[in-house]
Amino acid sequence: DDVPGFSGARAKEIVARELGVSSVEELFTDFSESPLAAASLGQVHTAFLNGSKVAVKVQRAGLKELFDVDLKNLKKLAELLDKFDPKSDGADRDWVSIYDESARLL
């Protein structure tokens, strides 16, 4: 992924909200402003927790909603494939079951 990272301030807001604290400083010391790595799903910051250096993965906001839309569309596709797949190659595919297992793993 060649996606720019979001700001350290935004990362701190996300982490604090997800962990139920008013500030990341309640849990971490030296939370890095710049991400160590960034990608389409999130980014990684370094910090210290109880004196140990840790990597803090920060997921981009709104990803669950995007995944939910994608999964809904994939289920519709699986249902269509089950109706129209001729299975002329001898394979007994159950596209909805394949979708269900994939969605469960995600």
N, C-alpha and C. Protein backbone atom coordinates (compact mmCIF):
# COMPACT_ATOMS: atom_id res chain seq x y z
N ASP A 1 0.84 -1.19 0.00
CA ASP A 1 0.00 0.00 0.00
C ASP A 1 0.88 1.24 0.00
N ASP A 2 0.51 2.19 -0.81
CA ASP A 2 1.21 3.46 -0.82
C ASP A 2 0.23 4.54 -0.37
N VAL A 3 -0.16 4.46 0.89
CA VAL A 3 -1.15 5.36 1.46
C VAL A 3 -0.48 6.21 2.52
N PRO A 4 -0.67 7.53 2.46
CA PRO A 4 -0.06 8.37 3.50
C PRO A 4 -0.70 8.13 4.86
N GLY A 5 0.09 8.28 5.89
CA GLY A 5 -0.42 8.12 7.24
C GLY A 5 -1.26 9.31 7.65
N PHE A 6 -2.09 9.10 8.66
CA PHE A 6 -2.83 10.22 9.23
C PHE A 6 -2.02 10.78 10.38
N SER A 7 -2.41 11.91 10.89
CA SER A 7 -1.60 12.61 11.89
C SER A 7 -1.49 11.83 13.20
N GLY A 8 -0.43 12.11 13.92
CA GLY A 8 -0.24 11.51 15.23
C GLY A 8 -1.36 11.90 16.18
N ALA A 9 -1.83 13.14 16.05
CA ALA A 9 -2.93 13.60 16.90
C ALA A 9 -4.19 12.79 16.62
N ARG A 10 -4.46 12.52 15.35
CA ARG A 10 -5.64 11.72 14.98
C ARG A 10 -5.49 10.28 15.51
N ALA A 11 -4.29 9.73 15.39
CA ALA A 11 -4.03 8.38 15.90
C ALA A 11 -4.28 8.33 17.40
N LYS A 12 -3.81 9.33 18.12
CA LYS A 12 -4.02 9.37 19.57
C LYS A 12 -5.50 9.45 19.93
N GLU A 13 -6.26 10.24 19.16
CA GLU A 13 -7.71 10.35 19.38
C GLU A 13 -8.38 8.99 19.21
N ILE A 14 -8.03 8.29 18.13
CA ILE A 14 -8.63 6.98 17.85
C ILE A 14 -8.31 5.99 18.96
N VAL A 15 -7.04 5.92 19.35
CA VAL A 15 -6.62 4.97 20.39
C VAL A 15 -7.31 5.29 21.71
N ALA A 16 -7.34 6.56 22.09
CA ALA A 16 -7.98 6.95 23.36
C ALA A 16 -9.46 6.57 23.36
N ARG A 17 -10.15 6.86 22.26
CA ARG A 17 -11.58 6.53 22.18
C ARG A 17 -11.80 5.02 22.27
N GLU A 18 -11.01 4.26 21.52
CA GLU A 18 -11.18 2.80 21.50
C GLU A 18 -10.86 2.16 22.85
N LEU A 19 -9.91 2.73 23.58
CA LEU A 19 -9.51 2.16 24.87
C LEU A 19 -10.25 2.78 26.05
N GLY A 20 -11.13 3.75 25.76
CA GLY A 20 -11.97 4.32 26.80
C GLY A 20 -11.25 5.22 27.79
N VAL A 21 -10.24 5.94 27.30
CA VAL A 21 -9.52 6.89 28.15
C VAL A 21 -9.61 8.27 27.52
N SER A 22 -9.36 9.29 28.30
CA SER A 22 -9.44 10.64 27.75
C SER A 22 -8.19 11.02 26.98
N SER A 23 -7.08 10.35 27.28
CA SER A 23 -5.81 10.65 26.62
C SER A 23 -4.94 9.40 26.59
N VAL A 24 -4.19 9.20 25.50
CA VAL A 24 -3.31 8.02 25.43
C VAL A 24 -2.24 8.08 26.50
N GLU A 25 -1.93 9.27 26.98
CA GLU A 25 -0.91 9.42 28.02
C GLU A 25 -1.32 8.75 29.33
N GLU A 26 -2.61 8.43 29.48
CA GLU A 26 -3.05 7.68 30.66
C GLU A 26 -2.52 6.26 30.64
N LEU A 27 -2.23 5.74 29.46
CA LEU A 27 -1.77 4.36 29.31
C LEU A 27 -0.34 4.24 28.81
N PHE A 28 0.03 5.10 27.88
CA PHE A 28 1.32 5.01 27.21
C PHE A 28 2.18 6.22 27.51
N THR A 29 3.49 6.02 27.46
CA THR A 29 4.42 7.14 27.47
C THR A 29 5.13 7.16 26.13
N ASP A 30 5.57 8.32 25.72
CA ASP A 30 6.31 8.50 24.47
C ASP A 30 5.60 7.89 23.27
N PHE A 31 4.31 8.14 23.12
CA PHE A 31 3.56 7.69 21.94
C PHE A 31 4.06 8.50 20.75
N SER A 32 4.58 7.83 19.74
CA SER A 32 5.21 8.53 18.61
C SER A 32 4.19 9.32 17.80
N GLU A 33 4.58 10.52 17.41
CA GLU A 33 3.73 11.36 16.56
C GLU A 33 3.70 10.84 15.13
N SER A 34 4.83 10.34 14.65
CA SER A 34 4.92 9.84 13.28
C SER A 34 4.75 8.32 13.28
N PRO A 35 3.99 7.80 12.32
CA PRO A 35 3.83 6.35 12.27
C PRO A 35 5.10 5.65 11.82
N LEU A 36 5.33 4.49 12.36
CA LEU A 36 6.44 3.65 11.94
C LEU A 36 6.15 3.10 10.55
N ALA A 37 4.88 2.80 10.29
CA ALA A 37 4.43 2.30 8.99
C ALA A 37 2.97 2.70 8.81
N ALA A 38 2.56 2.89 7.55
CA ALA A 38 1.17 3.23 7.26
C ALA A 38 0.72 2.46 6.02
N ALA A 39 -0.56 2.08 6.03
CA ALA A 39 -1.13 1.35 4.90
C ALA A 39 -2.61 1.70 4.81
N SER A 40 -3.31 1.05 3.90
CA SER A 40 -4.71 1.39 3.66
C SER A 40 -5.61 1.07 4.84
N LEU A 41 -5.26 0.07 5.63
CA LEU A 41 -6.11 -0.31 6.76
C LEU A 41 -5.78 0.41 8.06
N GLY A 42 -4.58 0.93 8.17
CA GLY A 42 -4.18 1.61 9.39
C GLY A 42 -2.71 1.91 9.41
N GLN A 43 -2.20 2.16 10.60
CA GLN A 43 -0.79 2.47 10.75
C GLN A 43 -0.30 2.02 12.11
N VAL A 44 1.01 2.02 12.27
CA VAL A 44 1.64 1.54 13.50
C VAL A 44 2.47 2.66 14.12
N HIS A 45 2.27 2.86 15.41
CA HIS A 45 3.04 3.84 16.18
C HIS A 45 3.80 3.09 17.27
N THR A 46 4.89 3.67 17.70
CA THR A 46 5.61 3.10 18.85
C THR A 46 5.23 3.89 20.09
N ALA A 47 5.30 3.21 21.22
CA ALA A 47 5.02 3.84 22.51
C ALA A 47 5.64 2.95 23.58
N PHE A 48 5.54 3.41 24.81
CA PHE A 48 5.99 2.60 25.95
C PHE A 48 4.80 2.32 26.84
N LEU A 49 4.67 1.06 27.24
CA LEU A 49 3.60 0.61 28.13
C LEU A 49 4.26 -0.09 29.31
N ASN A 50 4.08 0.48 30.49
CA ASN A 50 4.71 -0.08 31.70
C ASN A 50 6.21 -0.27 31.52
N GLY A 51 6.85 0.67 30.85
CA GLY A 51 8.30 0.63 30.66
C GLY A 51 8.79 -0.20 29.49
N SER A 52 7.91 -0.93 28.83
CA SER A 52 8.30 -1.75 27.68
C SER A 52 7.89 -1.07 26.38
N LYS A 53 8.79 -1.11 25.41
CA LYS A 53 8.48 -0.53 24.11
C LYS A 53 7.48 -1.45 23.40
N VAL A 54 6.41 -0.84 22.86
CA VAL A 54 5.36 -1.60 22.18
C VAL A 54 5.03 -0.96 20.84
N ALA A 55 4.43 -1.76 19.98
CA ALA A 55 3.88 -1.26 18.72
C ALA A 55 2.37 -1.14 18.90
N VAL A 56 1.83 0.00 18.53
CA VAL A 56 0.40 0.25 18.67
C VAL A 56 -0.19 0.35 17.27
N LYS A 57 -1.02 -0.62 16.92
CA LYS A 57 -1.69 -0.61 15.62
C LYS A 57 -2.94 0.24 15.72
N VAL A 58 -3.09 1.17 14.80
CA VAL A 58 -4.24 2.07 14.81
C VAL A 58 -5.00 1.87 13.50
N GLN A 59 -6.22 1.36 13.62
CA GLN A 59 -7.04 1.10 12.44
C GLN A 59 -7.68 2.41 11.97
N ARG A 60 -7.72 2.60 10.67
CA ARG A 60 -8.37 3.80 10.12
C ARG A 60 -9.85 3.82 10.52
N ALA A 61 -10.35 5.00 10.79
CA ALA A 61 -11.75 5.16 11.17
C ALA A 61 -12.66 4.80 9.99
N GLY A 62 -13.80 4.21 10.28
CA GLY A 62 -14.80 3.92 9.26
C GLY A 62 -14.60 2.62 8.50
N LEU A 63 -13.58 1.84 8.85
CA LEU A 63 -13.32 0.61 8.11
C LEU A 63 -14.42 -0.43 8.29
N LYS A 64 -14.98 -0.54 9.48
CA LYS A 64 -16.02 -1.54 9.71
C LYS A 64 -17.20 -1.30 8.78
N GLU A 65 -17.60 -0.05 8.63
CA GLU A 65 -18.72 0.26 7.75
C GLU A 65 -18.41 -0.12 6.31
N LEU A 66 -17.18 0.15 5.87
CA LEU A 66 -16.79 -0.22 4.50
C LEU A 66 -16.78 -1.73 4.33
N PHE A 67 -16.25 -2.45 5.30
CA PHE A 67 -16.26 -3.92 5.24
C PHE A 67 -17.68 -4.45 5.20
N ASP A 68 -18.57 -3.87 6.00
CA ASP A 68 -19.96 -4.33 6.02
C ASP A 68 -20.62 -4.18 4.65
N VAL A 69 -20.38 -3.06 3.99
CA VAL A 69 -20.93 -2.84 2.64
C VAL A 69 -20.34 -3.85 1.66
N ASP A 70 -19.02 -4.03 1.71
CA ASP A 70 -18.37 -4.99 0.82
C ASP A 70 -18.89 -6.40 1.05
N LEU A 71 -19.03 -6.80 2.31
CA LEU A 71 -19.52 -8.14 2.62
C LEU A 71 -20.96 -8.35 2.15
N LYS A 72 -21.78 -7.32 2.29
CA LYS A 72 -23.17 -7.41 1.83
C LYS A 72 -23.19 -7.65 0.32
N ASN A 73 -22.35 -6.91 -0.41
CA ASN A 73 -22.29 -7.07 -1.86
C ASN A 73 -21.73 -8.44 -2.26
N LEU A 74 -20.74 -8.92 -1.53
CA LEU A 74 -20.19 -10.24 -1.82
C LEU A 74 -21.21 -11.35 -1.57
N LYS A 75 -22.05 -11.18 -0.56
CA LYS A 75 -23.08 -12.19 -0.29
C LYS A 75 -24.07 -12.24 -1.46
N LYS A 76 -24.45 -11.07 -1.98
CA LYS A 76 -25.35 -11.04 -3.13
C LYS A 76 -24.72 -11.75 -4.32
N LEU A 77 -23.43 -11.51 -4.53
CA LEU A 77 -22.72 -12.17 -5.62
C LEU A 77 -22.70 -13.69 -5.42
N ALA A 78 -22.44 -14.13 -4.20
CA ALA A 78 -22.43 -15.57 -3.90
C ALA A 78 -23.79 -16.20 -4.18
N GLU A 79 -24.85 -15.50 -3.81
CA GLU A 79 -26.20 -16.01 -4.06
C GLU A 79 -26.47 -16.14 -5.56
N LEU A 80 -26.02 -15.14 -6.34
CA LEU A 80 -26.18 -15.21 -7.79
C LEU A 80 -25.36 -16.35 -8.39
N LEU A 81 -24.14 -16.50 -7.91
CA LEU A 81 -23.29 -17.58 -8.42
C LEU A 81 -23.90 -18.94 -8.14
N ASP A 82 -24.51 -19.10 -6.96
CA ASP A 82 -25.17 -20.38 -6.65
C ASP A 82 -26.30 -20.67 -7.63
N LYS A 83 -26.99 -19.61 -8.08
CA LYS A 83 -28.10 -19.80 -9.01
C LYS A 83 -27.62 -20.10 -10.43
N PHE A 84 -26.54 -19.44 -10.84
CA PHE A 84 -26.16 -19.48 -12.25
C PHE A 84 -24.88 -20.25 -12.56
N ASP A 85 -24.17 -20.74 -11.57
CA ASP A 85 -22.94 -21.52 -11.82
C ASP A 85 -23.35 -22.86 -12.42
N PRO A 86 -22.95 -23.13 -13.66
CA PRO A 86 -23.37 -24.37 -14.30
C PRO A 86 -22.70 -25.62 -13.72
N LYS A 87 -21.62 -25.43 -12.97
CA LYS A 87 -20.87 -26.55 -12.38
C LYS A 87 -20.55 -27.61 -13.43
N SER A 88 -20.34 -27.15 -14.65
CA SER A 88 -20.06 -28.06 -15.76
C SER A 88 -18.69 -28.71 -15.66
N ASP A 89 -17.85 -28.18 -14.76
CA ASP A 89 -16.52 -28.78 -14.60
C ASP A 89 -16.53 -29.91 -13.57
N GLY A 90 -17.70 -30.24 -13.05
CA GLY A 90 -17.81 -31.34 -12.10
C GLY A 90 -17.63 -30.93 -10.65
N ALA A 91 -17.24 -29.69 -10.41
CA ALA A 91 -17.03 -29.23 -9.03
C ALA A 91 -18.39 -28.92 -8.39
N ASP A 92 -18.53 -29.30 -7.15
CA ASP A 92 -19.77 -29.05 -6.41
C ASP A 92 -19.53 -27.87 -5.48
N ARG A 93 -19.62 -26.67 -6.04
CA ARG A 93 -19.35 -25.46 -5.27
C ARG A 93 -20.62 -24.93 -4.60
N ASP A 94 -20.48 -24.51 -3.38
CA ASP A 94 -21.56 -23.86 -2.65
C ASP A 94 -21.04 -22.46 -2.32
N TRP A 95 -21.32 -21.52 -3.21
CA TRP A 95 -20.75 -20.17 -3.09
C TRP A 95 -21.16 -19.48 -1.80
N VAL A 96 -22.40 -19.68 -1.36
CA VAL A 96 -22.85 -19.02 -0.12
C VAL A 96 -22.08 -19.58 1.07
N SER A 97 -21.82 -20.87 1.10
CA SER A 97 -21.03 -21.45 2.20
C SER A 97 -19.60 -20.93 2.17
N ILE A 98 -19.06 -20.78 0.97
CA ILE A 98 -17.70 -20.21 0.84
C ILE A 98 -17.70 -18.78 1.37
N TYR A 99 -18.73 -18.01 0.98
CA TYR A 99 -18.85 -16.64 1.49
C TYR A 99 -18.97 -16.64 3.02
N ASP A 100 -19.86 -17.48 3.57
CA ASP A 100 -20.08 -17.50 5.02
C ASP A 100 -18.79 -17.77 5.78
N GLU A 101 -18.01 -18.73 5.30
CA GLU A 101 -16.75 -19.06 5.97
C GLU A 101 -15.75 -17.91 5.85
N SER A 102 -15.68 -17.30 4.69
CA SER A 102 -14.77 -16.16 4.49
C SER A 102 -15.16 -14.98 5.37
N ALA A 103 -16.46 -14.68 5.42
CA ALA A 103 -16.94 -13.57 6.24
C ALA A 103 -16.66 -13.82 7.72
N ARG A 104 -16.83 -15.07 8.14
CA ARG A 104 -16.55 -15.41 9.54
C ARG A 104 -15.08 -15.18 9.87
N LEU A 105 -14.20 -15.53 8.94
CA LEU A 105 -12.76 -15.37 9.19
C LEU A 105 -12.34 -13.90 9.19
N LEU A 106 -13.04 -13.08 8.41
CA LEU A 106 -12.69 -11.66 8.37
C LEU A 106 -13.17 -10.96 9.61
